[in-house]
Amino acid sequence: MPFQLDIDYDRGVPVYRQIYEAITRALASGAVARDEQLPTIHELAEQLSINPNTVARAYRELDQDGYIVAQRGRGTFPAAERLTTPGDRQDILQMIYDKAIVEAARHGIGAADVVRYFRKVKP
């Protein structure tokens, strides 16, 4: 497997969603190349010791959201990069910011702390 995927059952996040998040992070970071095949549903389910339906749900949502594409007889691959307009980009950044603030608040972390952290983190 080209990237690390750990399931945390105590995190309070459904397993399929943790798979979804791990794959989107791997795609965004370049840990998975654009032409690199992802593990099959059964391979990933076996590796993680989970039900294949859980992996199938994550893959289905990744496909619906445009992150991956299944090619019959070949496997599952990252989708071609999507082009965004400046307006789309602002909407996406707002959504990311909102999610980060909500998640931080769940842990008692204020918005100012999140912003400071993002400013100091090096890409």
N, C-alpha and C. Protein backbone atom coordinates (compact mmCIF):
# COMPACT_ATOMS: atom_id res chain seq x y z
N MET A 1 0.85 -1.18 0.00
CA MET A 1 0.00 0.00 0.00
C MET A 1 0.89 1.24 0.00
N PRO A 2 0.58 2.21 -0.82
CA PRO A 2 1.47 3.35 -1.00
C PRO A 2 1.43 4.37 0.13
N PHE A 3 0.51 4.25 1.05
CA PHE A 3 0.40 5.24 2.12
C PHE A 3 -0.05 4.54 3.40
N GLN A 4 0.19 5.17 4.52
CA GLN A 4 -0.17 4.60 5.81
C GLN A 4 -1.64 4.85 6.12
N LEU A 5 -2.34 3.82 6.51
CA LEU A 5 -3.74 3.96 6.85
C LEU A 5 -3.96 3.23 8.17
N ASP A 6 -4.19 4.00 9.22
CA ASP A 6 -4.46 3.43 10.54
C ASP A 6 -5.88 3.76 10.93
N ILE A 7 -6.56 2.78 11.47
CA ILE A 7 -7.93 2.96 11.93
C ILE A 7 -7.90 3.16 13.44
N ASP A 8 -8.57 4.20 13.91
CA ASP A 8 -8.66 4.49 15.34
C ASP A 8 -10.13 4.34 15.74
N TYR A 9 -10.43 3.21 16.37
CA TYR A 9 -11.82 2.93 16.73
C TYR A 9 -12.33 3.82 17.87
N ASP A 10 -11.43 4.47 18.60
CA ASP A 10 -11.82 5.34 19.71
C ASP A 10 -11.99 6.79 19.28
N ARG A 11 -11.76 7.08 18.02
CA ARG A 11 -11.79 8.46 17.51
C ARG A 11 -13.21 9.02 17.38
N GLY A 12 -14.19 8.17 17.32
CA GLY A 12 -15.56 8.64 17.15
C GLY A 12 -15.92 8.97 15.72
N VAL A 13 -15.07 8.55 14.78
CA VAL A 13 -15.31 8.78 13.36
C VAL A 13 -15.51 7.41 12.72
N PRO A 14 -16.58 7.23 11.93
CA PRO A 14 -16.80 5.93 11.30
C PRO A 14 -15.58 5.47 10.49
N VAL A 15 -15.38 4.16 10.46
CA VAL A 15 -14.21 3.59 9.79
C VAL A 15 -14.18 3.97 8.31
N TYR A 16 -15.34 3.93 7.64
CA TYR A 16 -15.35 4.27 6.22
C TYR A 16 -14.88 5.71 6.02
N ARG A 17 -15.23 6.59 6.96
CA ARG A 17 -14.83 8.00 6.85
C ARG A 17 -13.33 8.17 7.09
N GLN A 18 -12.77 7.36 7.99
CA GLN A 18 -11.33 7.41 8.22
C GLN A 18 -10.57 6.96 6.98
N ILE A 19 -11.10 5.96 6.28
CA ILE A 19 -10.50 5.52 5.02
C ILE A 19 -10.58 6.63 3.99
N TYR A 20 -11.74 7.24 3.87
CA TYR A 20 -11.97 8.36 2.95
C TYR A 20 -10.94 9.46 3.22
N GLU A 21 -10.81 9.87 4.47
CA GLU A 21 -9.89 10.95 4.84
C GLU A 21 -8.44 10.57 4.55
N ALA A 22 -8.07 9.33 4.85
CA ALA A 22 -6.69 8.90 4.62
C ALA A 22 -6.35 8.93 3.13
N ILE A 23 -7.28 8.50 2.30
CA ILE A 23 -7.03 8.49 0.86
C ILE A 23 -6.99 9.91 0.30
N THR A 24 -7.89 10.77 0.74
CA THR A 24 -7.84 12.15 0.24
C THR A 24 -6.55 12.84 0.69
N ARG A 25 -6.09 12.57 1.92
CA ARG A 25 -4.80 13.13 2.37
C ARG A 25 -3.64 12.61 1.50
N ALA A 26 -3.67 11.31 1.22
CA ALA A 26 -2.61 10.72 0.40
C ALA A 26 -2.60 11.31 -1.01
N LEU A 27 -3.78 11.56 -1.56
CA LEU A 27 -3.85 12.17 -2.89
C LEU A 27 -3.34 13.61 -2.84
N ALA A 28 -3.76 14.35 -1.83
CA ALA A 28 -3.36 15.76 -1.73
C ALA A 28 -1.87 15.91 -1.48
N SER A 29 -1.29 15.01 -0.72
CA SER A 29 0.13 15.13 -0.37
C SER A 29 1.05 14.56 -1.44
N GLY A 30 0.48 13.83 -2.39
CA GLY A 30 1.31 13.22 -3.42
C GLY A 30 1.83 11.85 -3.03
N ALA A 31 1.37 11.32 -1.89
CA ALA A 31 1.79 9.98 -1.46
C ALA A 31 1.29 8.92 -2.44
N VAL A 32 0.22 9.24 -3.15
CA VAL A 32 -0.30 8.37 -4.21
C VAL A 32 -0.14 9.13 -5.52
N ALA A 33 0.60 8.55 -6.44
CA ALA A 33 0.81 9.17 -7.75
C ALA A 33 -0.48 9.11 -8.56
N ARG A 34 -0.64 10.03 -9.49
CA ARG A 34 -1.86 10.12 -10.29
C ARG A 34 -2.13 8.86 -11.12
N ASP A 35 -1.08 8.10 -11.44
CA ASP A 35 -1.27 6.89 -12.24
C ASP A 35 -1.14 5.62 -11.41
N GLU A 36 -1.09 5.76 -10.10
CA GLU A 36 -0.89 4.63 -9.21
C GLU A 36 -2.21 3.98 -8.82
N GLN A 37 -2.25 2.66 -8.93
CA GLN A 37 -3.47 1.93 -8.59
C GLN A 37 -3.64 1.85 -7.08
N LEU A 38 -4.85 2.09 -6.62
CA LEU A 38 -5.17 1.93 -5.20
C LEU A 38 -5.41 0.46 -4.91
N PRO A 39 -5.30 0.06 -3.65
CA PRO A 39 -5.60 -1.34 -3.32
C PRO A 39 -7.05 -1.66 -3.67
N THR A 40 -7.30 -2.92 -4.01
CA THR A 40 -8.68 -3.33 -4.26
C THR A 40 -9.45 -3.28 -2.94
N ILE A 41 -10.76 -3.31 -3.05
CA ILE A 41 -11.59 -3.30 -1.85
C ILE A 41 -11.23 -4.47 -0.95
N HIS A 42 -11.09 -5.64 -1.54
CA HIS A 42 -10.80 -6.83 -0.73
C HIS A 42 -9.40 -6.79 -0.14
N GLU A 43 -8.43 -6.29 -0.88
CA GLU A 43 -7.07 -6.17 -0.35
C GLU A 43 -7.04 -5.24 0.86
N LEU A 44 -7.67 -4.09 0.74
CA LEU A 44 -7.67 -3.12 1.82
C LEU A 44 -8.45 -3.64 3.02
N ALA A 45 -9.58 -4.29 2.77
CA ALA A 45 -10.38 -4.86 3.86
C ALA A 45 -9.58 -5.92 4.62
N GLU A 46 -8.86 -6.74 3.88
CA GLU A 46 -8.04 -7.78 4.52
C GLU A 46 -6.90 -7.16 5.32
N GLN A 47 -6.25 -6.16 4.75
CA GLN A 47 -5.14 -5.50 5.43
C GLN A 47 -5.59 -4.87 6.74
N LEU A 48 -6.77 -4.26 6.73
CA LEU A 48 -7.29 -3.56 7.91
C LEU A 48 -8.14 -4.45 8.81
N SER A 49 -8.37 -5.69 8.38
CA SER A 49 -9.22 -6.64 9.11
C SER A 49 -10.61 -6.07 9.37
N ILE A 50 -11.21 -5.57 8.28
CA ILE A 50 -12.56 -5.02 8.37
C ILE A 50 -13.42 -5.61 7.27
N ASN A 51 -14.71 -5.35 7.34
CA ASN A 51 -15.65 -5.84 6.36
C ASN A 51 -15.42 -5.12 5.02
N PRO A 52 -15.39 -5.87 3.91
CA PRO A 52 -15.23 -5.24 2.60
C PRO A 52 -16.29 -4.18 2.29
N ASN A 53 -17.49 -4.31 2.84
CA ASN A 53 -18.54 -3.32 2.60
C ASN A 53 -18.14 -1.95 3.14
N THR A 54 -17.34 -1.92 4.20
CA THR A 54 -16.88 -0.66 4.77
C THR A 54 -15.95 0.05 3.79
N VAL A 55 -15.03 -0.70 3.21
CA VAL A 55 -14.11 -0.14 2.21
C VAL A 55 -14.89 0.27 0.97
N ALA A 56 -15.85 -0.56 0.58
CA ALA A 56 -16.66 -0.25 -0.61
C ALA A 56 -17.40 1.07 -0.42
N ARG A 57 -17.89 1.32 0.78
CA ARG A 57 -18.60 2.58 1.03
C ARG A 57 -17.65 3.76 0.89
N ALA A 58 -16.45 3.64 1.45
CA ALA A 58 -15.46 4.72 1.34
C ALA A 58 -15.11 4.95 -0.13
N TYR A 59 -14.86 3.88 -0.88
CA TYR A 59 -14.52 4.02 -2.30
C TYR A 59 -15.68 4.63 -3.08
N ARG A 60 -16.91 4.22 -2.77
CA ARG A 60 -18.08 4.76 -3.47
C ARG A 60 -18.18 6.27 -3.25
N GLU A 61 -17.98 6.71 -2.00
CA GLU A 61 -18.06 8.15 -1.72
C GLU A 61 -16.89 8.91 -2.36
N LEU A 62 -15.70 8.30 -2.36
CA LEU A 62 -14.55 8.93 -3.02
C LEU A 62 -14.81 9.09 -4.52
N ASP A 63 -15.45 8.07 -5.10
CA ASP A 63 -15.79 8.12 -6.53
C ASP A 63 -16.85 9.20 -6.78
N GLN A 64 -17.88 9.23 -5.95
CA GLN A 64 -18.95 10.22 -6.11
C GLN A 64 -18.42 11.65 -5.97
N ASP A 65 -17.43 11.84 -5.10
CA ASP A 65 -16.87 13.17 -4.87
C ASP A 65 -15.75 13.52 -5.86
N GLY A 66 -15.46 12.60 -6.78
CA GLY A 66 -14.51 12.90 -7.85
C GLY A 66 -13.05 12.70 -7.51
N TYR A 67 -12.74 11.97 -6.43
CA TYR A 67 -11.35 11.76 -6.05
C TYR A 67 -10.73 10.54 -6.72
N ILE A 68 -11.55 9.52 -6.96
CA ILE A 68 -11.05 8.29 -7.58
C ILE A 68 -11.99 7.87 -8.69
N VAL A 69 -11.48 6.98 -9.52
CA VAL A 69 -12.30 6.44 -10.60
C VAL A 69 -11.97 4.95 -10.75
N ALA A 70 -13.02 4.14 -10.83
CA ALA A 70 -12.84 2.70 -11.03
C ALA A 70 -12.84 2.42 -12.53
N GLN A 71 -11.85 1.68 -12.96
CA GLN A 71 -11.75 1.29 -14.37
C GLN A 71 -11.95 -0.21 -14.45
N ARG A 72 -13.07 -0.60 -15.02
CA ARG A 72 -13.43 -2.02 -15.07
C ARG A 72 -12.27 -2.85 -15.66
N GLY A 73 -11.88 -3.86 -14.91
CA GLY A 73 -10.83 -4.76 -15.36
C GLY A 73 -9.41 -4.26 -15.08
N ARG A 74 -9.27 -3.01 -14.68
CA ARG A 74 -7.93 -2.45 -14.43
C ARG A 74 -7.70 -2.12 -12.97
N GLY A 75 -8.75 -1.64 -12.27
CA GLY A 75 -8.61 -1.27 -10.87
C GLY A 75 -9.11 0.13 -10.60
N THR A 76 -8.75 0.62 -9.43
CA THR A 76 -9.18 1.95 -9.00
C THR A 76 -7.99 2.88 -8.96
N PHE A 77 -8.16 4.06 -9.53
CA PHE A 77 -7.06 5.01 -9.66
C PHE A 77 -7.51 6.40 -9.23
N PRO A 78 -6.55 7.27 -8.88
CA PRO A 78 -6.92 8.66 -8.61
C PRO A 78 -7.55 9.27 -9.86
N ALA A 79 -8.54 10.11 -9.66
CA ALA A 79 -9.16 10.80 -10.78
C ALA A 79 -8.21 11.87 -11.29
N ALA A 80 -8.41 12.28 -12.53
CA ALA A 80 -7.62 13.37 -13.08
C ALA A 80 -7.85 14.61 -12.21
N GLU A 81 -6.85 15.44 -12.10
CA GLU A 81 -6.98 16.64 -11.28
C GLU A 81 -8.12 17.50 -11.79
N ARG A 82 -8.87 18.02 -10.84
CA ARG A 82 -9.99 18.88 -11.19
C ARG A 82 -9.50 20.32 -11.22
N LEU A 83 -9.93 21.04 -12.23
CA LEU A 83 -9.58 22.45 -12.33
C LEU A 83 -10.64 23.26 -11.60
N THR A 84 -10.20 24.22 -10.82
CA THR A 84 -11.14 25.05 -10.10
C THR A 84 -10.98 26.50 -10.52
N THR A 85 -12.09 27.20 -10.49
CA THR A 85 -12.06 28.63 -10.77
C THR A 85 -11.70 29.36 -9.48
N PRO A 86 -11.30 30.62 -9.56
CA PRO A 86 -11.02 31.37 -8.32
C PRO A 86 -12.20 31.38 -7.35
N GLY A 87 -13.42 31.46 -7.86
CA GLY A 87 -14.60 31.43 -6.99
C GLY A 87 -14.76 30.08 -6.30
N ASP A 88 -14.55 29.00 -7.06
CA ASP A 88 -14.60 27.66 -6.47
C ASP A 88 -13.53 27.52 -5.39
N ARG A 89 -12.38 28.04 -5.68
CA ARG A 89 -11.25 27.96 -4.74
C ARG A 89 -11.60 28.63 -3.42
N GLN A 90 -12.23 29.80 -3.48
CA GLN A 90 -12.64 30.50 -2.27
C GLN A 90 -13.68 29.69 -1.49
N ASP A 91 -14.62 29.10 -2.21
CA ASP A 91 -15.64 28.28 -1.55
C ASP A 91 -15.00 27.07 -0.87
N ILE A 92 -14.05 26.44 -1.54
CA ILE A 92 -13.37 25.28 -0.99
C ILE A 92 -12.56 25.67 0.25
N LEU A 93 -11.84 26.77 0.16
CA LEU A 93 -11.06 27.23 1.31
C LEU A 93 -11.96 27.57 2.48
N GLN A 94 -13.10 28.17 2.22
CA GLN A 94 -14.05 28.49 3.30
C GLN A 94 -14.56 27.21 3.96
N MET A 95 -14.86 26.21 3.14
CA MET A 95 -15.34 24.94 3.67
C MET A 95 -14.27 24.28 4.55
N ILE A 96 -13.03 24.31 4.09
CA ILE A 96 -11.92 23.72 4.86
C ILE A 96 -11.76 24.47 6.18
N TYR A 97 -11.79 25.77 6.12
CA TYR A 97 -11.65 26.59 7.33
C TYR A 97 -12.79 26.27 8.31
N ASP A 98 -14.01 26.23 7.81
CA ASP A 98 -15.16 25.96 8.67
C ASP A 98 -15.04 24.60 9.35
N LYS A 99 -14.64 23.60 8.59
CA LYS A 99 -14.47 22.25 9.16
C LYS A 99 -13.39 22.24 10.23
N ALA A 100 -12.29 22.93 9.95
CA ALA A 100 -11.18 22.97 10.92
C ALA A 100 -11.62 23.65 12.21
N ILE A 101 -12.36 24.74 12.10
CA ILE A 101 -12.82 25.48 13.29
C ILE A 101 -13.81 24.64 14.10
N VAL A 102 -14.72 23.97 13.42
CA VAL A 102 -15.69 23.12 14.11
C VAL A 102 -14.98 21.98 14.84
N GLU A 103 -14.06 21.33 14.14
CA GLU A 103 -13.33 20.21 14.74
C GLU A 103 -12.49 20.69 15.92
N ALA A 104 -11.84 21.82 15.79
CA ALA A 104 -11.03 22.37 16.88
C ALA A 104 -11.92 22.69 18.08
N ALA A 105 -13.08 23.26 17.84
CA ALA A 105 -14.00 23.61 18.93
C ALA A 105 -14.43 22.37 19.70
N ARG A 106 -14.59 21.26 19.00
CA ARG A 106 -14.94 19.99 19.66
C ARG A 106 -13.89 19.60 20.68
N HIS A 107 -12.66 20.05 20.48
CA HIS A 107 -11.54 19.71 21.36
C HIS A 107 -11.14 20.87 22.26
N GLY A 108 -11.97 21.91 22.29
CA GLY A 108 -11.70 23.05 23.15
C GLY A 108 -10.59 23.96 22.66
N ILE A 109 -10.34 23.94 21.36
CA ILE A 109 -9.30 24.78 20.75
C ILE A 109 -9.99 25.93 20.02
N GLY A 110 -9.53 27.15 20.27
CA GLY A 110 -10.14 28.32 19.67
C GLY A 110 -9.68 28.57 18.24
N ALA A 111 -10.47 29.36 17.52
CA ALA A 111 -10.16 29.69 16.12
C ALA A 111 -8.81 30.38 15.99
N ALA A 112 -8.47 31.26 16.93
CA ALA A 112 -7.18 31.97 16.86
C ALA A 112 -6.02 31.00 16.94
N ASP A 113 -6.16 29.95 17.76
CA ASP A 113 -5.09 28.95 17.87
C ASP A 113 -4.93 28.18 16.56
N VAL A 114 -6.06 27.89 15.92
CA VAL A 114 -6.02 27.17 14.64
C VAL A 114 -5.30 28.02 13.60
N VAL A 115 -5.67 29.29 13.51
CA VAL A 115 -5.06 30.19 12.53
C VAL A 115 -3.56 30.33 12.80
N ARG A 116 -3.17 30.49 14.07
CA ARG A 116 -1.74 30.59 14.41
C ARG A 116 -1.00 29.33 14.00
N TYR A 117 -1.60 28.18 14.24
CA TYR A 117 -0.97 26.92 13.88
C TYR A 117 -0.76 26.83 12.38
N PHE A 118 -1.81 27.15 11.60
CA PHE A 118 -1.69 27.09 10.15
C PHE A 118 -0.62 28.04 9.62
N ARG A 119 -0.48 29.19 10.25
CA ARG A 119 0.53 30.14 9.80
C ARG A 119 1.94 29.65 10.04
N LYS A 120 2.15 28.88 11.12
CA LYS A 120 3.51 28.44 11.43
C LYS A 120 3.89 27.12 10.75
N VAL A 121 2.90 26.35 10.31
CA VAL A 121 3.18 25.06 9.66
C VAL A 121 3.78 25.30 8.29
N LYS A 122 4.86 24.61 8.02
CA LYS A 122 5.52 24.70 6.72
C LYS A 122 4.97 23.61 5.80
N PRO A 123 4.64 23.95 4.54
CA PRO A 123 4.13 22.93 3.60
C PRO A 123 5.17 21.92 3.22
